[in-house]
Amino acid sequence: MLLSVRDLAVRFRTEDGIVHAVNGVSFDVERGETVGIVGESGCGKSATSLAILRLLPQTGVEVSADRIDLEGRDLLTATKGEMRALRGRDVAMVFQDPMTSLNPVLTIGRQLRETIAAHGAAAYGDTRATAIELLQRVGIPEPETALRRYPHQLSGGMRQRVMIAMALALKPKLLIADEPTTALDVTIQAQVLDLIRRLTRESNTAVVLITHDLGLVASMARRVIVMYAGMVAETGATEDLFDKPAHPYTLGLLNSLPRLDGSREAELVPIEGSPPDQLALAPGCPFAPRCARRIERCLRETPGLTQVEGRGLGHAVACFNPLAAGLA
């Protein structure tokens, strides 16, 4: 097992109260595997990834977990120096917005070369050739010229390619890609995804792909984790989860997607209601107020993940009244 997360919780202290952003999330990632984490905005996807890498602010934030292990190393007890050495070398991250993730006053070459040199892969003076090779691999034309440019002189797609080059410079064991195609047009999205798929396959890098785009997950991920209100609502193999969803929320997400193959009616079916206020979570299942299948128990108790009978191995759902295979 490459990454193992158990009972992760994240709390943000605000003037209005404590935001329960992540509530008991658990999952594993195998070597070389691509796992998708999906859910609507505010469900805790990004907070989960930032907590794993310990990139959340130290003030006003409380992170707890039974364990967060990377190849048997406990990231919760690692020192600041150990985490700095681990980030980039063993675990890398591609953030949502490359414009704000790249330093606007440093050239692309300076930032890329410092990433390589920071982990002792080479002395800074010897990193130029490696930086040019990385930019070539991610498809940036005239890489020698690109090294001298600043982030604002590149398009959004080119900046994202630079972020991918920086993330994969040291061939990490795990790549966390947080909405890597945000604000990119459809053609550039496809190119960026193909790039991530090809480069991670070459280095056998595992990927945690965080997105709200189910279509993106269907094309990239081997397994899917569906999050709602900071909890894991359902998880399973991608094909199994798309063909036979067990959680009403997962079915709602799928029904809200446009389909062009004629398998569903053209009219989209929205999920009624709004996500819960995570400043004051009510007892019971957080999806219960929006769920047509809720029973009395749903309003009193919070369901845990349980294996779904008749579905693929590892298909689990947090629901007291899951969908039958024929209803999905």
Protein backbone atom coordinates (compact mmCIF):
# COMPACT_ATOMS: atom_id res chain seq x y z
CA MET A 1 0.00 0.00 0.00
CA LEU A 2 1.35 3.42 -0.95
CA LEU A 3 -0.99 5.77 0.93
CA SER A 4 -3.36 4.88 3.75
CA VAL A 5 -5.67 7.47 5.35
CA ARG A 6 -7.86 6.55 8.31
CA ASP A 7 -10.54 8.65 10.01
CA LEU A 8 -9.24 12.02 8.82
CA ALA A 9 -11.02 15.06 10.24
CA VAL A 10 -10.42 18.76 9.54
CA ARG A 11 -11.94 21.62 11.53
CA PHE A 12 -11.69 25.33 10.69
CA ARG A 13 -12.23 27.84 13.51
CA THR A 14 -14.02 30.93 12.21
CA GLU A 15 -15.76 33.95 13.74
CA ASP A 16 -19.08 32.22 13.12
CA GLY A 17 -18.05 28.93 14.68
CA ILE A 18 -16.28 25.70 13.80
CA VAL A 19 -16.58 24.46 10.23
CA HIS A 20 -16.60 20.65 10.08
CA ALA A 21 -14.90 20.46 6.69
CA VAL A 22 -13.78 16.80 6.71
CA ASN A 23 -15.48 14.19 8.88
CA GLY A 24 -13.91 10.76 9.24
CA VAL A 25 -12.56 10.20 5.72
CA SER A 26 -10.70 6.91 5.07
CA PHE A 27 -9.21 5.54 1.84
CA ASP A 28 -6.18 3.77 0.38
CA VAL A 29 -4.14 4.29 -2.76
CA GLU A 30 -2.11 1.49 -4.33
CA ARG A 31 1.17 2.01 -6.21
CA GLY A 32 0.58 3.18 -9.76
CA GLU A 33 -3.19 3.50 -9.22
CA THR A 34 -5.38 6.45 -10.19
CA VAL A 35 -8.11 7.26 -7.67
CA GLY A 36 -10.72 9.95 -8.28
CA ILE A 37 -12.27 12.01 -5.48
CA VAL A 38 -15.48 13.70 -6.64
CA GLY A 39 -18.17 15.85 -5.09
CA GLU A 40 -19.68 19.31 -5.27
CA SER A 41 -17.83 22.44 -4.12
CA GLY A 42 -17.32 22.58 -0.36
CA CYS A 43 -17.55 18.84 0.24
CA GLY A 44 -13.99 18.62 1.62
CA LYS A 45 -12.03 17.32 -1.38
CA SER A 46 -9.28 19.94 -1.36
CA ALA A 47 -9.15 20.12 2.43
CA THR A 48 -8.49 16.38 2.48
CA SER A 49 -5.53 16.64 0.10
CA LEU A 50 -4.03 19.66 1.86
CA ALA A 51 -4.34 17.92 5.23
CA ILE A 52 -2.49 14.86 3.91
CA LEU A 53 0.44 17.04 2.83
CA ARG A 54 0.13 19.23 5.95
CA LEU A 55 -0.25 22.36 3.88
CA LEU A 56 -3.15 23.81 5.89
CA PRO A 57 -2.46 26.83 8.14
CA GLN A 58 -1.24 25.96 11.61
CA THR A 59 -3.49 28.52 13.27
CA GLY A 60 -7.25 28.24 13.23
CA VAL A 61 -7.18 24.70 11.82
CA GLU A 62 -7.38 21.38 13.63
CA VAL A 63 -6.38 18.18 11.80
CA SER A 64 -6.77 14.75 13.37
CA ALA A 65 -6.61 11.19 12.09
CA ASP A 66 -5.98 7.67 13.28
CA ARG A 67 -3.18 7.58 10.73
CA ILE A 68 -1.90 9.03 7.48
CA ASP A 69 0.76 6.64 6.23
CA LEU A 70 2.93 6.94 3.15
CA GLU A 71 4.78 3.65 2.65
CA GLY A 72 4.55 3.05 6.38
CA ARG A 73 5.77 6.54 7.35
CA ASP A 74 3.42 8.42 9.66
CA LEU A 75 2.92 11.87 8.14
CA LEU A 76 1.11 13.11 11.25
CA THR A 77 4.25 12.83 13.38
CA ALA A 78 6.80 13.81 10.72
CA THR A 79 8.83 16.94 11.48
CA LYS A 80 8.64 20.07 9.33
CA GLY A 81 11.99 19.20 7.80
CA GLU A 82 10.86 15.68 6.97
CA MET A 83 7.69 17.01 5.32
CA ARG A 84 9.67 19.53 3.25
CA ALA A 85 11.92 16.72 2.04
CA LEU A 86 8.94 14.51 1.26
CA ARG A 87 6.95 17.10 -0.72
CA GLY A 88 8.07 17.10 -4.32
CA ARG A 89 10.29 14.06 -3.94
CA ASP A 90 7.76 11.43 -2.79
CA VAL A 91 4.47 13.31 -3.07
CA ALA A 92 3.77 16.18 -5.46
CA MET A 93 0.72 18.32 -6.04
CA VAL A 94 -0.78 20.17 -8.99
CA PHE A 95 -2.96 22.97 -7.61
CA GLN A 96 -6.20 24.35 -9.03
CA ASP A 97 -4.99 27.71 -10.32
CA PRO A 98 -1.50 27.74 -11.88
CA MET A 99 -1.52 31.54 -12.03
CA THR A 100 -1.65 31.84 -8.25
CA SER A 101 0.47 28.73 -7.63
CA LEU A 102 3.45 30.00 -9.64
CA ASN A 103 5.48 32.92 -8.26
CA PRO A 104 4.67 35.89 -10.53
CA VAL A 105 8.03 37.64 -9.98
CA LEU A 106 10.26 34.65 -10.78
CA THR A 107 10.88 33.19 -14.22
CA ILE A 108 9.62 29.76 -15.14
CA GLY A 109 13.20 28.53 -15.34
CA ARG A 110 14.07 29.81 -11.87
CA GLN A 111 11.09 28.08 -10.28
CA LEU A 112 11.57 24.80 -12.13
CA ARG A 113 15.31 24.65 -11.50
CA GLU A 114 14.90 25.43 -7.80
CA THR A 115 12.44 22.55 -7.50
CA ILE A 116 15.00 20.15 -8.94
CA ALA A 117 17.87 21.52 -6.84
CA ALA A 118 15.90 21.70 -3.57
CA HIS A 119 15.90 17.91 -3.17
CA GLY A 120 19.52 17.38 -4.10
CA ALA A 121 18.78 15.91 -7.52
CA ALA A 122 21.45 18.25 -8.92
CA ALA A 123 23.28 21.46 -8.08
CA TYR A 124 21.36 24.53 -9.26
CA GLY A 125 23.97 25.28 -11.91
CA ASP A 126 23.47 21.83 -13.44
CA THR A 127 19.68 21.93 -13.64
CA ARG A 128 19.15 23.94 -16.85
CA ALA A 129 19.36 20.95 -19.19
CA THR A 130 16.98 18.96 -16.98
CA ALA A 131 14.51 21.86 -16.90
CA ILE A 132 14.57 22.14 -20.71
CA GLU A 133 13.98 18.39 -21.03
CA LEU A 134 11.01 18.57 -18.63
CA LEU A 135 9.41 21.41 -20.59
CA GLN A 136 9.88 19.42 -23.79
CA ARG A 137 8.20 16.39 -22.21
CA VAL A 138 5.12 18.42 -21.26
CA GLY A 139 4.83 19.83 -24.78
CA ILE A 140 5.92 23.44 -24.31
CA PRO A 141 7.35 24.81 -27.58
CA GLU A 142 10.74 26.54 -27.57
CA PRO A 143 11.55 25.45 -23.99
CA GLU A 144 14.80 27.45 -23.88
CA THR A 145 12.79 30.62 -24.44
CA ALA A 146 10.06 29.54 -22.01
CA LEU A 147 12.63 29.27 -19.21
CA ARG A 148 13.16 33.04 -19.42
CA ARG A 149 9.48 33.91 -19.34
CA TYR A 150 7.32 34.88 -16.37
CA PRO A 151 4.00 33.14 -15.59
CA HIS A 152 1.88 36.02 -16.95
CA GLN A 153 3.59 35.61 -20.34
CA LEU A 154 2.19 32.08 -20.75
CA SER A 155 -1.37 30.95 -21.46
CA GLY A 156 -3.38 29.08 -18.82
CA GLY A 157 -2.71 25.75 -20.54
CA MET A 158 1.03 26.43 -20.72
CA ARG A 159 1.12 27.43 -17.04
CA GLN A 160 -0.63 24.20 -16.12
CA ARG A 161 1.95 22.27 -18.15
CA VAL A 162 4.69 24.01 -16.18
CA MET A 163 2.99 22.98 -12.93
CA ILE A 164 2.85 19.38 -14.14
CA ALA A 165 6.54 19.52 -15.11
CA MET A 166 7.42 20.83 -11.63
CA ALA A 167 5.27 18.19 -9.92
CA LEU A 168 6.75 15.29 -11.88
CA ALA A 169 10.33 16.60 -12.02
CA LEU A 170 11.57 14.14 -9.40
CA LYS A 171 9.28 11.26 -10.41
CA PRO A 172 7.24 11.20 -7.19
CA LYS A 173 5.47 8.07 -6.01
CA LEU A 174 2.17 9.97 -5.61
CA LEU A 175 0.71 12.91 -7.52
CA ILE A 176 -2.27 14.81 -6.11
CA ALA A 177 -3.99 16.74 -8.90
CA ASP A 178 -6.53 19.21 -7.51
CA GLU A 179 -8.90 20.29 -10.30
CA PRO A 180 -6.03 20.29 -12.84
CA THR A 181 -8.25 21.41 -15.73
CA THR A 182 -10.08 24.29 -14.02
CA ALA A 183 -10.54 27.35 -16.29
CA LEU A 184 -9.10 25.53 -19.32
CA ASP A 185 -11.04 25.10 -22.54
CA VAL A 186 -12.14 21.63 -23.58
CA THR A 187 -9.32 21.02 -26.07
CA ILE A 188 -6.62 22.05 -23.59
CA GLN A 189 -8.30 19.98 -20.87
CA ALA A 190 -7.96 16.86 -23.00
CA GLN A 191 -4.30 17.62 -23.71
CA VAL A 192 -3.51 18.18 -20.02
CA LEU A 193 -5.25 14.94 -19.01
CA ASP A 194 -3.45 12.95 -21.69
CA LEU A 195 -0.19 14.46 -20.47
CA ILE A 196 -0.83 13.47 -16.84
CA ARG A 197 -1.90 9.99 -17.90
CA ARG A 198 1.19 9.43 -20.07
CA LEU A 199 3.79 10.84 -17.68
CA THR A 200 2.45 9.07 -14.59
CA ARG A 201 2.29 5.79 -16.48
CA GLU A 202 5.92 6.15 -17.53
CA SER A 203 7.08 6.63 -13.92
CA ASN A 204 4.44 4.33 -12.30
CA THR A 205 3.23 7.29 -10.25
CA ALA A 206 -0.04 6.91 -8.36
CA VAL A 207 -2.57 9.72 -8.84
CA VAL A 208 -5.27 11.16 -6.61
CA LEU A 209 -7.47 13.17 -8.98
CA ILE A 210 -9.70 15.69 -7.23
CA THR A 211 -12.54 17.05 -9.33
CA HIS A 212 -16.25 17.76 -9.58
CA ASP A 213 -16.24 16.48 -13.17
CA LEU A 214 -17.57 12.91 -13.32
CA GLY A 215 -16.72 12.65 -17.00
CA LEU A 216 -13.08 13.38 -16.23
CA VAL A 217 -13.04 10.70 -13.52
CA ALA A 218 -14.63 8.15 -15.85
CA SER A 219 -11.78 8.55 -18.33
CA MET A 220 -8.93 8.69 -15.82
CA ALA A 221 -9.60 6.82 -12.58
CA ARG A 222 -9.59 3.14 -11.67
CA ARG A 223 -11.51 3.77 -8.45
CA VAL A 224 -13.80 6.60 -7.35
CA ILE A 225 -14.49 8.13 -3.94
CA VAL A 226 -17.69 10.21 -3.78
CA MET A 227 -17.67 12.80 -0.98
CA TYR A 228 -20.57 14.70 0.51
CA ALA A 229 -20.48 17.14 3.46
CA GLY A 230 -16.95 16.09 4.37
CA MET A 231 -17.75 12.37 4.41
CA VAL A 232 -17.27 9.46 2.00
CA ALA A 233 -20.73 8.66 0.64
CA GLU A 234 -19.69 5.86 -1.72
CA THR A 235 -16.56 4.27 -3.10
CA GLY A 236 -15.87 1.56 -5.63
CA ALA A 237 -14.39 0.65 -8.98
CA THR A 238 -15.17 3.33 -11.57
CA GLU A 239 -17.12 1.09 -13.94
CA ASP A 240 -19.10 -0.48 -11.12
CA LEU A 241 -19.96 2.83 -9.49
CA PHE A 242 -21.11 4.41 -12.77
CA ASP A 243 -23.14 1.38 -13.86
CA LYS A 244 -24.58 0.46 -10.45
CA PRO A 245 -24.48 3.39 -8.00
CA ALA A 246 -25.71 2.52 -4.52
CA HIS A 247 -25.97 5.94 -2.85
CA PRO A 248 -28.86 8.26 -3.82
CA TYR A 249 -26.40 11.18 -3.97
CA THR A 250 -24.20 9.35 -6.49
CA LEU A 251 -27.24 8.62 -8.62
CA GLY A 252 -28.22 12.27 -8.36
CA LEU A 253 -24.81 13.34 -9.63
CA LEU A 254 -25.05 10.95 -12.57
CA ASN A 255 -28.60 12.05 -13.41
CA SER A 256 -27.51 15.68 -13.49
CA LEU A 257 -25.03 15.00 -16.30
CA PRO A 258 -26.03 15.53 -19.93
CA ARG A 259 -25.94 12.32 -21.97
CA LEU A 260 -25.56 12.12 -25.74
CA ASP A 261 -25.96 8.36 -26.20
CA GLY A 262 -29.73 8.29 -25.84
CA SER A 263 -29.62 6.18 -22.67
CA ARG A 264 -31.35 8.88 -20.66
CA GLU A 265 -33.90 11.54 -21.36
CA ALA A 266 -32.49 14.86 -22.50
CA GLU A 267 -33.96 16.70 -19.50
CA LEU A 268 -31.50 16.89 -16.60
CA VAL A 269 -32.64 15.93 -13.11
CA PRO A 270 -31.24 18.27 -10.46
CA ILE A 271 -30.68 17.28 -6.84
CA GLU A 272 -33.25 19.18 -4.82
CA GLY A 273 -32.23 21.29 -1.85
CA SER A 274 -28.81 22.56 -0.79
CA PRO A 275 -25.77 21.05 0.94
CA PRO A 276 -25.89 21.22 4.76
CA ASP A 277 -24.40 24.06 6.77
CA GLN A 278 -21.16 22.57 8.05
CA LEU A 279 -21.04 25.12 10.85
CA ALA A 280 -23.95 23.28 12.48
CA LEU A 281 -24.30 19.73 11.18
CA ALA A 282 -27.60 18.17 12.23
CA PRO A 283 -27.75 14.61 13.62
CA GLY A 284 -28.09 11.76 11.17
CA CYS A 285 -27.08 11.37 7.55
CA PRO A 286 -26.06 14.75 6.07
CA PHE A 287 -27.82 13.91 2.78
CA ALA A 288 -31.10 12.95 4.45
CA PRO A 289 -32.86 16.34 4.00
CA ARG A 290 -32.35 16.07 0.22
CA CYS A 291 -32.95 12.33 -0.11
CA ALA A 292 -36.19 10.80 -1.41
CA ARG A 293 -35.21 7.41 0.05
CA ARG A 294 -34.64 8.55 3.64
CA ILE A 295 -36.10 6.52 6.45
CA GLU A 296 -36.55 7.46 10.09
CA ARG A 297 -33.15 6.02 11.02
CA CYS A 298 -31.45 8.39 8.56
CA LEU A 299 -32.54 11.38 10.65
CA ARG A 300 -31.10 9.96 13.88
CA GLU A 301 -27.89 8.10 12.98
CA THR A 302 -24.89 8.77 10.75
CA PRO A 303 -24.27 5.78 8.46
CA GLY A 304 -20.81 4.26 8.12
CA LEU A 305 -19.35 2.67 5.01
CA THR A 306 -20.52 -0.91 4.46
CA GLN A 307 -19.85 -3.35 1.64
CA VAL A 308 -22.66 -3.47 -0.92
CA GLU A 309 -23.83 -7.00 -1.67
CA GLY A 310 -23.85 -8.02 -5.29
CA ARG A 311 -21.49 -5.23 -6.38
CA GLY A 312 -17.79 -5.31 -7.14
CA LEU A 313 -15.18 -6.00 -4.48
CA GLY A 314 -14.50 -2.87 -2.49
CA HIS A 315 -17.80 -1.20 -3.42
CA ALA A 316 -19.02 0.38 -0.19
CA VAL A 317 -21.73 2.90 0.63
CA ALA A 318 -22.68 5.03 3.64
CA CYS A 319 -26.45 4.64 3.45
CA PHE A 320 -29.16 2.90 5.50
CA ASN A 321 -31.40 2.48 2.44
CA PRO A 322 -29.10 2.05 -0.58
CA LEU A 323 -30.28 1.67 -4.13
CA ALA A 324 -30.86 -1.82 -5.44
CA ALA A 325 -28.89 -2.70 -8.56
CA GLY A 326 -32.02 -2.57 -10.68
CA LEU A 327 -32.92 0.94 -9.57
CA ALA A 328 -29.56 2.48 -10.39
